[in-house]
Protein backbone atom coordinates (compact mmCIF):
# COMPACT_ATOMS: atom_id res chain seq x y z
CA MET A 1 -54.74 -46.41 -21.16
CA VAL A 2 -52.64 -44.71 -23.90
CA ARG A 3 -53.73 -41.27 -22.19
CA THR A 4 -52.32 -42.29 -18.86
CA LYS A 5 -49.09 -43.50 -20.36
CA MET A 6 -48.52 -40.22 -22.50
CA ARG A 7 -49.65 -38.44 -19.32
CA TRP A 8 -47.12 -40.29 -17.38
CA LEU A 9 -44.56 -39.45 -20.35
CA VAL A 10 -45.12 -35.78 -20.34
CA GLY A 11 -44.45 -35.79 -16.28
CA MET A 12 -41.37 -37.77 -16.68
CA ALA A 13 -40.47 -35.01 -19.04
CA ALA A 14 -41.33 -32.00 -17.16
CA GLY A 15 -39.64 -33.56 -14.17
CA ALA A 16 -36.22 -34.09 -16.24
CA THR A 17 -36.60 -30.67 -17.48
CA LEU A 18 -37.19 -29.09 -13.80
CA LEU A 19 -34.45 -31.16 -12.62
CA SER A 20 -32.23 -30.08 -15.50
CA SER A 21 -33.11 -26.55 -14.70
CA SER A 22 -31.99 -27.18 -10.87
CA LEU A 23 -28.57 -28.57 -12.00
CA VAL A 24 -27.83 -25.71 -14.15
CA GLY A 25 -28.74 -23.23 -11.30
CA PHE A 26 -26.90 -25.39 -9.00
CA GLY A 27 -23.83 -25.05 -11.30
CA VAL A 28 -24.10 -21.39 -11.56
CA ALA A 29 -24.01 -20.93 -7.57
CA GLN A 30 -20.85 -22.84 -7.47
CA ALA A 31 -19.33 -21.04 -10.39
CA THR A 32 -20.05 -17.64 -8.82
CA THR A 33 -18.86 -19.12 -5.37
CA LYS A 34 -15.66 -19.88 -7.07
CA ALA A 35 -15.18 -16.87 -8.53
CA LYS A 36 -13.98 -14.88 -5.76
CA HIS A 37 -13.01 -11.51 -5.94
CA TYR A 38 -9.93 -10.42 -3.71
CA THR A 39 -9.02 -6.70 -2.81
CA VAL A 40 -5.45 -5.91 -1.92
CA ALA A 41 -3.62 -3.31 0.19
CA TYR A 42 -0.29 -1.99 -1.20
CA LEU A 43 1.69 -0.50 1.49
CA SER A 44 4.22 1.28 -0.60
CA TYR A 45 7.41 3.26 1.04
CA GLY A 46 6.79 6.13 -1.09
CA VAL A 47 5.16 6.44 -4.31
CA ALA A 48 6.86 9.25 -5.52
CA ASN A 49 10.18 7.88 -5.14
CA SER A 50 11.64 6.79 -8.43
CA TYR A 51 12.45 3.65 -7.08
CA ASP A 52 9.30 2.66 -5.74
CA ALA A 53 7.19 3.56 -9.16
CA PRO A 54 8.10 0.74 -11.49
CA MET A 55 7.57 -1.84 -8.26
CA LEU A 56 4.35 -0.41 -8.12
CA ALA A 57 3.30 -0.60 -11.62
CA ALA A 58 4.68 -4.03 -11.77
CA ALA A 59 2.56 -5.30 -8.90
CA LYS A 60 -0.60 -3.84 -10.28
CA ALA A 61 -0.07 -5.16 -13.77
CA VAL A 62 0.04 -8.83 -12.14
CA ALA A 63 -2.86 -8.05 -10.15
CA GLY A 64 -4.81 -6.62 -13.01
CA ALA A 65 -4.24 -9.70 -15.03
CA SER A 66 -5.86 -11.83 -12.24
CA GLY A 67 -9.20 -9.65 -11.59
CA VAL A 68 -7.19 -8.51 -8.22
CA ARG A 69 -8.01 -4.91 -7.15
CA VAL A 70 -5.43 -2.86 -5.45
CA VAL A 71 -5.82 0.09 -2.97
CA VAL A 72 -2.48 2.18 -2.62
CA PHE A 73 -1.22 3.32 0.66
CA ASP A 74 1.83 5.91 0.56
CA SER A 75 3.57 6.46 3.44
CA GLN A 76 5.62 8.95 2.26
CA THR A 77 8.52 7.42 3.82
CA SER A 78 7.17 8.12 7.32
CA TYR A 79 7.12 4.56 9.18
CA THR A 80 4.76 5.97 11.74
CA THR A 81 2.12 6.74 8.70
CA GLN A 82 3.14 3.22 7.55
CA ALA A 83 1.95 1.83 10.87
CA SER A 84 -0.89 3.81 11.23
CA GLU A 85 -2.05 2.64 7.65
CA LEU A 86 -1.40 -0.86 8.23
CA GLN A 87 -3.89 -0.66 11.63
CA THR A 88 -6.33 1.09 9.05
CA VAL A 89 -6.15 -1.58 6.50
CA ILE A 90 -6.36 -4.36 9.24
CA ASN A 91 -9.55 -2.90 10.71
CA SER A 92 -11.60 -1.99 7.83
CA GLY A 93 -12.13 -5.90 7.18
CA GLN A 94 -11.94 -5.12 3.44
CA TYR A 95 -8.89 -6.85 2.52
CA GLN A 96 -8.05 -10.02 1.84
CA GLY A 97 -4.22 -9.44 1.29
CA ILE A 98 -1.52 -6.89 1.84
CA ILE A 99 1.67 -6.05 0.12
CA LEU A 100 4.08 -4.43 2.39
CA GLN A 101 7.18 -2.58 1.69
CA PRO A 102 8.42 -1.31 4.96
CA VAL A 103 9.86 1.85 5.77
CA TYR A 104 11.40 0.61 9.05
CA GLY A 105 10.10 -3.08 9.30
CA ALA A 106 10.94 -4.06 13.06
CA ALA A 107 8.33 -1.09 13.89
CA LEU A 108 5.28 -3.12 11.62
CA LEU A 109 5.80 -6.55 13.50
CA LYS A 110 2.83 -6.53 16.19
CA GLU A 111 0.24 -5.09 13.11
CA VAL A 112 1.94 -7.61 10.84
CA GLN A 113 1.11 -10.51 13.58
CA LYS A 114 -2.32 -9.07 13.85
CA ALA A 115 -3.24 -8.94 10.25
CA ILE A 116 -2.00 -12.77 9.97
CA LYS A 117 -4.24 -13.84 12.75
CA LYS A 118 -7.18 -12.17 11.02
CA GLY A 119 -6.54 -14.29 8.05
CA ILE A 120 -4.99 -11.58 6.26
CA LYS A 121 -2.10 -12.78 3.86
CA VAL A 122 0.44 -10.69 4.05
CA VAL A 123 3.78 -10.49 1.56
CA ASN A 124 6.69 -8.51 2.33
CA ILE A 125 8.89 -6.96 -0.65
CA ASP A 126 12.15 -4.76 -0.68
CA GLN A 127 13.00 -3.92 2.65
CA ILE A 128 13.76 -6.37 5.68
CA LEU A 129 10.48 -7.04 7.88
CA GLY A 130 12.32 -7.85 10.98
CA THR A 131 15.12 -6.96 13.14
CA LYS A 132 17.77 -9.12 11.42
CA TYR A 133 19.34 -7.62 8.18
CA THR A 134 22.03 -10.11 7.42
CA THR A 135 18.89 -12.62 5.98
CA ASP A 136 16.66 -12.84 3.47
CA GLN A 137 14.62 -15.19 4.93
CA ILE A 138 10.90 -14.83 6.61
CA GLN A 139 11.26 -13.47 10.31
CA VAL A 140 7.60 -13.38 10.97
CA LYS A 141 5.57 -16.75 11.48
CA GLY A 142 2.33 -16.93 9.36
CA LEU A 143 3.98 -14.73 6.46
CA ALA A 144 2.48 -15.53 2.89
CA GLY A 145 5.86 -14.61 1.02
CA ASN A 146 9.15 -12.67 1.30
CA VAL A 147 10.76 -10.97 -1.38
CA VAL A 148 13.78 -8.92 -0.33
CA PHE A 149 17.76 -8.65 -0.87
CA PHE A 150 19.75 -8.16 2.50
CA PRO A 151 21.55 -4.73 2.91
CA SER A 152 24.23 -6.00 5.02
CA LYS A 153 25.65 -7.73 1.79
CA ILE A 154 24.86 -4.49 -0.37
CA GLY A 155 27.39 -2.26 2.45
CA THR A 156 29.82 -5.18 2.28
CA GLN A 157 29.78 -4.85 -1.70
CA LEU A 158 30.14 -1.33 -1.62
CA GLY A 159 32.81 -1.47 1.12
CA THR A 160 34.99 -3.82 -1.07
CA LEU A 161 34.35 -1.83 -4.35
CA THR A 162 35.11 1.45 -2.61
CA GLN A 163 38.49 -0.32 -1.67
CA GLN A 164 39.02 -1.20 -5.15
CA ALA A 165 38.36 2.25 -6.67
CA CYS A 166 40.99 4.17 -3.93
CA GLY A 167 43.57 2.15 -5.67
CA THR A 168 47.26 3.19 -4.81
CA ALA A 169 45.65 6.59 -2.67
CA ASN A 170 47.28 6.42 0.61
CA PRO A 171 45.64 7.60 2.77
CA CYS A 172 42.23 7.05 0.75
CA LYS A 173 39.70 9.66 1.53
CA ILE A 174 35.89 8.68 1.19
CA GLY A 175 32.87 10.31 1.61
CA LEU A 176 29.70 8.56 2.92
CA VAL A 177 26.45 9.74 1.51
CA HIS A 178 23.55 8.16 4.15
CA ASN A 179 19.57 8.62 3.23
CA TYR A 180 17.64 7.90 6.45
CA THR A 181 20.26 7.61 8.94
CA GLY A 182 19.38 4.74 11.44
CA TYR A 183 16.71 3.18 9.51
CA GLU A 184 17.01 0.13 7.12
CA PRO A 185 18.36 -0.37 4.95
CA ASP A 186 20.52 2.63 5.36
CA GLY A 187 21.45 1.74 8.78
CA ALA A 188 22.31 -1.85 7.90
CA ILE A 189 24.39 -1.04 4.81
CA THR A 190 26.17 1.64 6.38
CA VAL A 191 27.44 -0.78 9.59
CA ALA A 192 28.59 -3.37 6.95
CA PHE A 193 30.27 -0.62 4.61
CA LYS A 194 32.27 0.75 7.46
CA ALA A 195 32.93 -2.60 8.73
CA GLN A 196 34.58 -3.34 5.17
CA ILE A 197 36.54 -0.04 5.38
CA ALA A 198 38.07 -0.91 8.80
CA THR A 199 39.90 -3.86 7.21
CA ASN A 200 42.34 -1.39 5.30
CA ALA A 201 43.86 0.79 7.95
CA ASN A 202 44.89 3.37 5.08
CA ASP A 203 40.95 3.84 3.98
CA GLN A 204 39.43 6.92 5.83
CA ILE A 205 35.59 7.78 5.93
CA VAL A 206 36.21 11.61 6.25
CA ALA A 207 32.81 13.23 5.60
CA GLU A 208 29.21 11.92 6.00
CA GLY A 209 25.68 12.93 4.74
CA ASP A 210 22.11 12.55 4.63
CA GLY A 211 20.83 12.56 1.12
CA LEU A 212 17.39 11.31 1.47
CA TYR A 213 17.22 9.41 -2.02
CA GLN A 214 16.90 12.66 -3.28
CA ALA A 215 19.66 13.75 -6.11
CA GLY A 216 18.93 17.44 -5.13
CA VAL A 217 19.61 16.99 -1.49
CA ALA A 218 22.85 15.12 -2.17
CA VAL A 219 24.19 17.90 -4.64
CA THR A 220 24.43 20.04 -1.39
CA GLN A 221 25.53 17.28 0.87
CA VAL A 222 28.45 16.54 -1.58
CA GLN A 223 29.32 20.31 -2.07
CA ASN A 224 30.20 20.40 1.87
CA MET A 225 32.05 17.52 1.49
CA LEU A 226 34.02 18.89 -1.25
CA THR A 227 34.69 22.19 0.45
CA ALA A 228 35.62 20.48 3.63
CA HIS A 229 38.13 18.18 1.92
CA SER A 230 38.99 19.07 -1.66
CA ASP A 231 41.42 15.99 -1.74
CA ILE A 232 38.44 13.46 -1.25
CA ASN A 233 39.00 10.21 -3.56
CA VAL A 234 35.64 8.45 -3.43
CA ILE A 235 32.41 8.98 -2.71
CA VAL A 236 29.57 6.49 -2.20
CA GLY A 237 25.96 6.27 -1.91
CA ALA A 238 22.62 5.45 -3.76
CA ASP A 239 22.20 5.96 -7.21
CA GLN A 240 19.98 9.56 -6.19
CA ASP A 241 22.96 10.32 -4.26
CA CYS A 242 25.57 9.60 -7.00
CA GLU A 243 23.56 11.58 -9.62
CA GLY A 244 23.64 14.45 -7.05
CA ALA A 245 27.50 14.11 -6.31
CA GLN A 246 27.72 14.10 -10.22
CA VAL A 247 26.42 17.49 -10.62
CA ALA A 248 28.09 19.06 -7.63
CA LEU A 249 31.82 17.33 -8.98
CA THR A 250 30.75 18.89 -12.55
CA ALA A 251 30.08 22.44 -10.94
CA ALA A 252 33.53 22.04 -9.20
CA LYS A 253 35.26 20.82 -12.26
CA ASN A 254 36.64 18.01 -10.01
CA THR A 255 37.70 15.02 -12.16
CA SER A 256 39.44 13.02 -10.02
CA VAL A 257 36.71 11.73 -7.39
CA LYS A 258 35.14 8.02 -8.15
CA LEU A 259 31.55 7.27 -7.12
CA VAL A 260 30.68 3.90 -6.04
CA CYS A 261 26.79 3.59 -6.01
CA TYR A 262 23.89 1.31 -5.28
CA GLY A 263 20.52 0.91 -7.32
CA GLY A 264 21.56 -0.21 -10.66
CA SER A 265 19.03 2.65 -12.26
CA ALA A 266 18.99 3.05 -15.90
CA ALA A 267 20.85 6.42 -15.18
CA GLY A 268 23.76 4.35 -13.51
CA GLN A 269 23.73 2.07 -16.14
CA ALA A 270 24.01 4.50 -18.61
CA GLN A 271 27.06 6.60 -16.82
CA LEU A 272 28.83 3.17 -16.44
CA LYS A 273 28.43 2.20 -20.42
CA SER A 274 29.56 5.60 -21.30
CA SER A 275 33.07 5.18 -19.13
CA THR A 276 33.63 8.80 -19.42
CA GLY A 277 32.24 9.93 -15.95
CA PRO A 278 33.14 9.71 -12.42
CA TRP A 279 31.09 6.29 -11.79
CA TYR A 280 33.19 3.56 -10.89
CA ALA A 281 30.61 0.45 -9.88
CA ASP A 282 27.06 0.07 -8.99
CA VAL A 283 25.38 -2.65 -6.86
CA LEU A 284 22.05 -3.67 -8.78
CA GLN A 285 18.64 -3.60 -7.28
CA VAL A 286 15.31 -4.79 -9.18
CA PRO A 287 12.48 -2.80 -7.86
CA ALA A 288 10.08 -3.80 -10.95
CA THR A 289 11.01 -7.92 -10.18
CA GLU A 290 10.13 -7.20 -6.76
CA GLY A 291 6.81 -5.86 -7.37
CA GLN A 292 5.97 -8.56 -10.18
CA VAL A 293 6.98 -11.87 -7.72
CA GLY A 294 5.86 -10.31 -4.67
CA MET A 295 2.17 -9.60 -6.04
CA SER A 296 2.19 -13.49 -7.96
CA MET A 297 3.29 -14.70 -4.20
CA LEU A 298 0.46 -13.03 -2.72
CA ILE A 299 -2.39 -14.10 -5.20
CA LYS A 300 -1.01 -17.83 -4.97
CA ALA A 301 -1.10 -17.37 -1.21
CA MET A 302 -5.02 -16.07 -1.00
CA LYS A 303 -5.91 -18.64 -3.66
CA THR A 304 -4.30 -21.70 -1.97
CA GLY A 305 -3.78 -20.65 1.69
CA LYS A 306 -0.22 -21.52 1.44
CA SER A 307 3.11 -19.43 2.36
CA GLN A 308 5.18 -19.06 -0.95
CA GLY A 309 8.64 -18.54 1.02
CA SER A 310 11.27 -16.58 0.36
CA LYS A 311 12.97 -15.15 -2.83
CA ASN A 312 15.97 -12.97 -2.76
CA PRO A 313 15.70 -11.25 -6.42
CA VAL A 314 19.34 -10.56 -7.01
CA ALA A 315 20.54 -14.00 -6.22
CA GLY A 316 22.48 -15.36 -9.12
CA LEU A 317 22.99 -12.47 -10.87
CA PRO A 318 26.01 -12.35 -13.22
CA ASN A 319 29.08 -10.67 -11.49
CA LYS A 320 27.02 -10.77 -8.12
CA GLY A 321 24.88 -8.06 -9.72
CA ILE A 322 28.03 -5.36 -9.45
CA LEU A 323 27.62 -3.23 -12.93
CA THR A 324 30.91 -1.96 -14.00
CA PRO A 325 31.69 -0.16 -17.41
CA ALA A 326 33.06 -3.73 -18.88
CA ASN A 327 29.47 -5.36 -18.16
CA ALA A 328 26.92 -2.60 -17.77
CA GLY A 329 25.39 -3.52 -21.23
CA LYS A 330 24.68 -6.66 -19.88
CA PHE A 331 22.33 -5.66 -17.51
CA THR A 332 18.72 -3.57 -17.34
CA GLY A 333 17.95 -0.99 -15.01
CA GLU A 334 14.35 -1.28 -13.59
CA TRP A 335 13.91 2.07 -12.68
CA PRO A 336 15.07 5.50 -14.11
CA GLY A 337 17.08 6.73 -11.25
């Protein structure tokens, strides 16, 4: 009787141990299932661009902290290359998420819609993904997030600042350095800029050129402007264009031209803080913030399945994000210039 009871107790203990082991194994299986690994494709406008580099670095930092793998695709400023890269990402079946920094957003809409239908979470950053450049809201149904400024506002700000820089010049002669004529954001900025300039008949755009977001290219463009119009009053462009313009002005010993710029780079901020050069004002952009917020949105969307909405990274900045010699010290340039 005692032996039978002992045998029963031993059997119970063994069963309990087996049950316990089974539960532990079940718990490990559950933990393994929950610890899902994500791979994200980062489609860059152009990795070598000094504006894009801190955006990518910030996005990588966020991904690394969350154990998310990032694979970078470099369009090298070609929208056809970027469209092909997007197709490759979608067809590979290897990615759960995409960060997209469009070269030309309107050309990517169909492929983005395919990605969303396949269950890939897509977050758009920096440039407009759509056909409307007067809004910072999502234009593609199912997009997991959107972190952009809108170009038309920059164009209007640049136009207003240019008119202020013109002062009493009558007529005021203006040189405009484009970057990629006809493509967003350059085209939308130009349209809004010209509309603002047209509000004053005394302001005249007398010269235009393409700087391609490269200071070296802008040097030549501005030299041509100065040769054709030695009495030009204001030159307008992205920070890289303004840096090139400054070189051309120094070489020509021209101290009368004022520069109105956009980008808010560390270089631009330094020039405005010195108050001794030709820089008149600079409209701020925050590429590192865009990369950080965009990747954070994507990780949340992949984990929760929910869209994270839209965020304008420059909304609410002091002085509407416009740097001048008086306030440049209150801002931080997020890219070198």
